[in-house]
C-alpha atoms as a PDB file:
ATOM      1  CA  VAL A   1      28.922 -22.873  -6.272  1.00  0.00           C
ATOM      2  CA  MET A   2      27.493 -22.268  -2.845  1.00  0.00           C
ATOM      3  CA  LEU A   3      25.254 -19.422  -1.818  1.00  0.00           C
ATOM      4  CA  LYS A   4      24.991 -18.436   1.823  1.00  0.00           C
ATOM      5  CA  LEU A   5      22.053 -16.297   2.908  1.00  0.00           C
ATOM      6  CA  SER A   6      21.987 -14.470   6.182  1.00  0.00           C
ATOM      7  CA  GLY A   7      19.416 -12.423   7.990  1.00  0.00           C
ATOM      8  CA  GLN A   8      15.997 -13.065   9.473  1.00  0.00           C
ATOM      9  CA  GLU A   9      12.559 -13.124   8.036  1.00  0.00           C
ATOM     10  CA  PRO A  10      10.186 -10.739   9.786  1.00  0.00           C
ATOM     11  CA  ASP A  11       7.812 -12.196  12.352  1.00  0.00           C
ATOM     12  CA  LEU A  12       4.345 -13.023  11.060  1.00  0.00           C
ATOM     13  CA  PRO A  13       1.682 -10.428  11.872  1.00  0.00           C
ATOM     14  CA  HIS A  14      -0.712 -11.111  14.762  1.00  0.00           C
ATOM     15  CA  GLY A  15      -4.098  -9.710  15.720  1.00  0.00           C
ATOM     16  CA  GLU A  16      -5.460  -6.506  14.183  1.00  0.00           C
ATOM     17  CA  VAL A  17      -2.430  -4.612  12.857  1.00  0.00           C
ATOM     18  CA  TYR A  18      -1.799  -1.640  10.580  1.00  0.00           C
ATOM     19  CA  LEU A  19       0.434  -2.271   7.563  1.00  0.00           C
ATOM     20  CA  SER A  20       2.422   0.864   8.401  1.00  0.00           C
ATOM     21  CA  ASP A  21       3.437  -0.796  11.684  1.00  0.00           C
ATOM     22  CA  LEU A  22       4.819  -3.907   9.957  1.00  0.00           C
ATOM     23  CA  PRO A  23       8.137  -4.482   8.195  1.00  0.00           C
ATOM     24  CA  TRP A  24       7.753  -5.137   4.493  1.00  0.00           C
ATOM     25  CA  THR A  25       9.947  -7.605   2.647  1.00  0.00           C
ATOM     26  CA  TYR A  26      10.225  -5.346  -0.413  1.00  0.00           C
ATOM     27  CA  ALA A  27       9.198  -1.805  -1.314  1.00  0.00           C
ATOM     28  CA  ALA A  28       9.689   0.208  -4.513  1.00  0.00           C
ATOM     29  CA  ASN A  29       8.156   3.590  -5.198  1.00  0.00           C
ATOM     30  CA  GLY A  30       7.869   5.672  -8.367  1.00  0.00           C
ATOM     31  CA  ARG A  31       9.324   8.752  -6.699  1.00  0.00           C
ATOM     32  CA  GLY A  32      11.121   8.863  -3.393  1.00  0.00           C
ATOM     33  CA  VAL A  33      10.297   6.354  -0.675  1.00  0.00           C
ATOM     34  CA  VAL A  34       7.176   4.604   0.534  1.00  0.00           C
ATOM     35  CA  GLU A  35       5.996   6.639   3.508  1.00  0.00           C
ATOM     36  CA  ARG A  36       4.510   5.284   6.715  1.00  0.00           C
ATOM     37  CA  ASP A  37       1.523   7.302   7.980  1.00  0.00           C
ATOM     38  CA  LEU A  38       2.171  10.167   5.498  1.00  0.00           C
ATOM     39  CA  ASN A  39       1.545  10.738   1.792  1.00  0.00           C
ATOM     40  CA  ALA A  40       4.500  10.217  -0.528  1.00  0.00           C
ATOM     41  CA  GLY A  41       5.827  13.774  -0.509  1.00  0.00           C
ATOM     42  CA  GLN A  42       8.796  14.212  -2.839  1.00  0.00           C
ATOM     43  CA  GLN A  43      12.074  12.295  -2.468  1.00  0.00           C
ATOM     44  CA  ALA A  44      13.200  12.159   1.162  1.00  0.00           C
ATOM     45  CA  ASP A  45      11.897   9.985   3.976  1.00  0.00           C
ATOM     46  CA  HIS A  46       9.259  11.745   6.133  1.00  0.00           C
ATOM     47  CA  ASP A  47       8.754  14.654   3.707  1.00  0.00           C
ATOM     48  CA  GLY A  48       5.062  13.933   3.103  1.00  0.00           C
ATOM     49  CA  HIS A  49       1.906  15.389   4.602  1.00  0.00           C
ATOM     50  CA  ALA A  50      -1.017  13.789   6.401  1.00  0.00           C
ATOM     51  CA  LEU A  51      -2.864  11.119   4.421  1.00  0.00           C
ATOM     52  CA  LYS A  52      -6.076  12.685   3.165  1.00  0.00           C
ATOM     53  CA  LEU A  53      -8.760  11.244   0.869  1.00  0.00           C
ATOM     54  CA  GLY A  54     -11.970  13.094   0.054  1.00  0.00           C
ATOM     55  CA  GLY A  55     -11.386  15.566   2.878  1.00  0.00           C
ATOM     56  CA  ALA A  56     -10.978  12.804   5.482  1.00  0.00           C
ATOM     57  CA  ALA A  57      -7.607  12.646   7.259  1.00  0.00           C
ATOM     58  CA  TYR A  58      -6.091   9.305   8.230  1.00  0.00           C
ATOM     59  CA  ALA A  59      -3.503   8.840  10.974  1.00  0.00           C
ATOM     60  CA  LYS A  60      -2.390   5.425   9.682  1.00  0.00           C
ATOM     61  CA  GLY A  61      -1.564   4.084   6.251  1.00  0.00           C
ATOM     62  CA  LEU A  62       0.994   3.997   3.447  1.00  0.00           C
ATOM     63  CA  GLY A  63       1.795   6.838   1.060  1.00  0.00           C
ATOM     64  CA  THR A  64       3.117   5.837  -2.342  1.00  0.00           C
ATOM     65  CA  TYR A  65       3.702   7.422  -5.716  1.00  0.00           C
ATOM     66  CA  GLY A  66       2.663   5.561  -8.887  1.00  0.00           C
ATOM     67  CA  ALA A  67       4.045   3.167  -9.816  1.00  0.00           C
ATOM     68  CA  SER A  68       4.839   1.263  -6.647  1.00  0.00           C
ATOM     69  CA  LEU A  69       4.988  -2.227  -5.173  1.00  0.00           C
ATOM     70  CA  ILE A  70       5.104  -3.308  -1.528  1.00  0.00           C
ATOM     71  CA  ARG A  71       5.385  -6.916  -0.349  1.00  0.00           C
ATOM     72  CA  TYR A  72       4.531  -8.441   3.030  1.00  0.00           C
ATOM     73  CA  ARG A  73       5.085 -11.968   4.337  1.00  0.00           C
ATOM     74  CA  LEU A  74       1.838 -13.270   5.837  1.00  0.00           C
ATOM     75  CA  GLY A  75       2.590 -16.983   6.071  1.00  0.00           C
ATOM     76  CA  ARG A  76      -1.119 -17.856   5.956  1.00  0.00           C
ATOM     77  CA  SER A  77      -1.642 -16.096   9.311  1.00  0.00           C
ATOM     78  CA  CYS A  78      -4.082 -13.394   8.152  1.00  0.00           C
ATOM     79  CA  SER A  79      -7.698 -13.514   7.044  1.00  0.00           C
ATOM     80  CA  ARG A  80      -8.544  -9.980   5.892  1.00  0.00           C
ATOM     81  CA  LEU A  81      -7.182  -6.696   4.507  1.00  0.00           C
ATOM     82  CA  ARG A  82      -9.181  -3.488   4.823  1.00  0.00           C
ATOM     83  CA  ALA A  83      -8.237  -0.020   3.561  1.00  0.00           C
ATOM     84  CA  GLU A  84      -9.403   3.126   1.811  1.00  0.00           C
ATOM     85  CA  VAL A  85      -7.447   3.837  -1.372  1.00  0.00           C
ATOM     86  CA  GLY A  86      -7.275   6.805  -3.709  1.00  0.00           C
ATOM     87  CA  VAL A  87      -5.322   9.778  -4.985  1.00  0.00           C
ATOM     88  CA  ASP A  88      -4.306  11.950  -2.023  1.00  0.00           C
ATOM     89  CA  ASP A  89      -6.080  15.315  -1.699  1.00  0.00           C
ATOM     90  CA  ASP A  90      -2.711  17.086  -2.161  1.00  0.00           C
ATOM     91  CA  ALA A  91      -2.998  16.192  -5.867  1.00  0.00           C
ATOM     92  CA  GLY A  92      -6.342  17.995  -6.220  1.00  0.00           C
ATOM     93  CA  ALA A  93      -8.282  16.807  -9.270  1.00  0.00           C
ATOM     94  CA  ALA A  94      -5.048  15.642 -10.931  1.00  0.00           C
ATOM     95  CA  GLY A  95      -3.462  12.212 -10.738  1.00  0.00           C
ATOM     96  CA  SER A  96      -4.713   8.835 -11.937  1.00  0.00           C
ATOM     97  CA  VAL A  97      -3.799   5.418 -10.559  1.00  0.00           C
ATOM     98  CA  ILE A  98      -4.921   1.795 -10.339  1.00  0.00           C
ATOM     99  CA  PHE A  99      -4.640  -0.072  -7.026  1.00  0.00           C
ATOM    100  CA  ARG A 100      -4.254  -3.838  -6.896  1.00  0.00           C
ATOM    101  CA  VAL A 101      -4.061  -6.314  -4.027  1.00  0.00           C
ATOM    102  CA  ILE A 102      -2.284  -9.522  -5.022  1.00  0.00           C
ATOM    103  CA  GLY A 103      -2.119 -12.653  -2.898  1.00  0.00           C
ATOM    104  CA  ASP A 104       0.314 -15.393  -3.944  1.00  0.00           C
ATOM    105  CA  GLY A 105       0.223 -14.108  -7.522  1.00  0.00           C
ATOM    106  CA  ALA A 106      -3.576 -13.848  -7.849  1.00  0.00           C
ATOM    107  CA  VAL A 107      -5.272 -10.449  -8.143  1.00  0.00           C
ATOM    108  CA  LEU A 108      -7.705 -10.212  -5.219  1.00  0.00           C
ATOM    109  CA  PHE A 109      -8.703  -6.556  -5.717  1.00  0.00           C
ATOM    110  CA  ASP A 110      -8.486  -4.148  -8.664  1.00  0.00           C
ATOM    111  CA  SER A 111      -9.748  -0.608  -8.156  1.00  0.00           C
ATOM    112  CA  ALA A 112      -9.903   0.173 -11.889  1.00  0.00           C
ATOM    113  CA  LEU A 113      -8.768   3.699 -12.773  1.00  0.00           C
ATOM    114  CA  LEU A 114      -9.124   6.214  -9.929  1.00  0.00           C
ATOM    115  CA  LYS A 115      -8.569   9.898 -10.665  1.00  0.00           C
ATOM    116  CA  GLY A 116      -7.975  12.759  -8.241  1.00  0.00           C
ATOM    117  CA  GLY A 117     -10.884  13.066  -5.823  1.00  0.00           C
ATOM    118  CA  ALA A 118     -12.014   9.436  -6.243  1.00  0.00           C
ATOM    119  CA  ARG A 119     -11.457   6.702  -3.701  1.00  0.00           C
ATOM    120  CA  ALA A 120     -12.445   3.078  -3.126  1.00  0.00           C
ATOM    121  CA  GLY A 121     -12.903   0.785  -0.175  1.00  0.00           C
ATOM    122  CA  VAL A 122     -10.835  -2.390   0.053  1.00  0.00           C
ATOM    123  CA  ASP A 123     -12.107  -5.448   1.924  1.00  0.00           C
ATOM    124  CA  VAL A 124     -10.240  -8.558   0.797  1.00  0.00           C
ATOM    125  CA  ASP A 125     -10.233 -12.150   2.059  1.00  0.00           C
ATOM    126  CA  LEU A 126      -6.617 -13.238   2.641  1.00  0.00           C
ATOM    127  CA  THR A 127      -7.283 -16.722   3.991  1.00  0.00           C
ATOM    128  CA  GLY A 128      -4.351 -18.981   3.099  1.00  0.00           C
ATOM    129  CA  VAL A 129      -2.233 -16.195   1.526  1.00  0.00           C
ATOM    130  CA  ARG A 130       1.514 -16.490   2.093  1.00  0.00           C
ATOM    131  CA  GLU A 131       2.695 -13.288   0.352  1.00  0.00           C
ATOM    132  CA  LEU A 132       0.730 -10.054   0.005  1.00  0.00           C
ATOM    133  CA  LYS A 133       1.595  -7.498  -2.684  1.00  0.00           C
ATOM    134  CA  LEU A 134       0.178  -3.983  -2.824  1.00  0.00           C
ATOM    135  CA  SER A 135       0.577  -2.540  -6.299  1.00  0.00           C
ATOM    136  CA  VAL A 136      -0.142   0.905  -7.737  1.00  0.00           C
ATOM    137  CA  ASP A 137       0.053   1.501 -11.471  1.00  0.00           C
ATOM    138  CA  VAL A 138      -0.005   4.862 -13.219  1.00  0.00           C
ATOM    139  CA  GLY A 139      -3.171   5.734 -15.084  1.00  0.00           C
ATOM    140  CA  GLY A 140      -1.657   6.235 -18.512  1.00  0.00           C
ATOM    141  CA  ASP A 141      -1.139  10.005 -18.368  1.00  0.00           C
ATOM    142  CA  GLY A 142       2.325  10.043 -16.787  1.00  0.00           C
ATOM    143  CA  ASP A 143       3.051   9.953 -13.096  1.00  0.00           C
ATOM    144  CA  ASP A 144       2.673  13.636 -12.213  1.00  0.00           C
ATOM    145  CA  ASN A 145       0.426  14.001  -9.171  1.00  0.00           C
ATOM    146  CA  ASP A 146       0.022  10.224  -8.730  1.00  0.00           C
ATOM    147  CA  LEU A 147       0.033  10.432  -4.919  1.00  0.00           C
ATOM    148  CA  ALA A 148      -1.512   7.056  -4.056  1.00  0.00           C
ATOM    149  CA  ASP A 149      -2.683   6.425  -0.486  1.00  0.00           C
ATOM    150  CA  TRP A 150      -3.396   3.114   1.216  1.00  0.00           C
ATOM    151  CA  ALA A 151      -5.253   4.850   4.069  1.00  0.00           C
ATOM    152  CA  ASP A 152      -6.199   3.029   7.273  1.00  0.00           C
ATOM    153  CA  ALA A 153      -4.686  -0.159   5.757  1.00  0.00           C
ATOM    154  CA  ARG A 154      -4.918  -2.944   8.302  1.00  0.00           C
ATOM    155  CA  LEU A 155      -4.825  -6.708   8.557  1.00  0.00           C
ATOM    156  CA  THR A 156      -6.849  -9.104  10.655  1.00  0.00           C
ATOM    157  CA  CYS A 157      -4.597 -12.013  11.616  1.00  0.00           C
ATOM    158  CA  GLU A 158      -4.481 -14.895  14.049  1.00  0.00           C
ATOM    159  CA  PRO A 159      -4.003 -13.764  17.653  1.00  0.00           C
END
């Protein structure tokens, strides 16, 4: 049996770059699609609203709906991930999620349970990481209102 693969791997990221500007290698979302620079909305692409956490609006980031998983190929070219994470303001006080940053299978960041109105800062060392995974899990009360934002998510990589 022979297997032939075709296609191209995405270029490795360079410099300071927003995740929403990069191609992912895999994306799955609890409801609808992963949105670039918008919250998750409902089902269709580009049906979300502005990313908003704690009253602050963000022009860049990823909008997901618990549970979700997004993968990026870094190829050891990046040193840091920074972001603000939380339940989008559109959910009000509802929603509950857990954010995780995983590098080559190791959990590098775990937000613990965040409910509507709460947010957390992410500042993770990615030195030597080949594959980055961004994971959102539901908080145990169903997935209603689990609008999970990776706001201002950006990498620092080799120039």
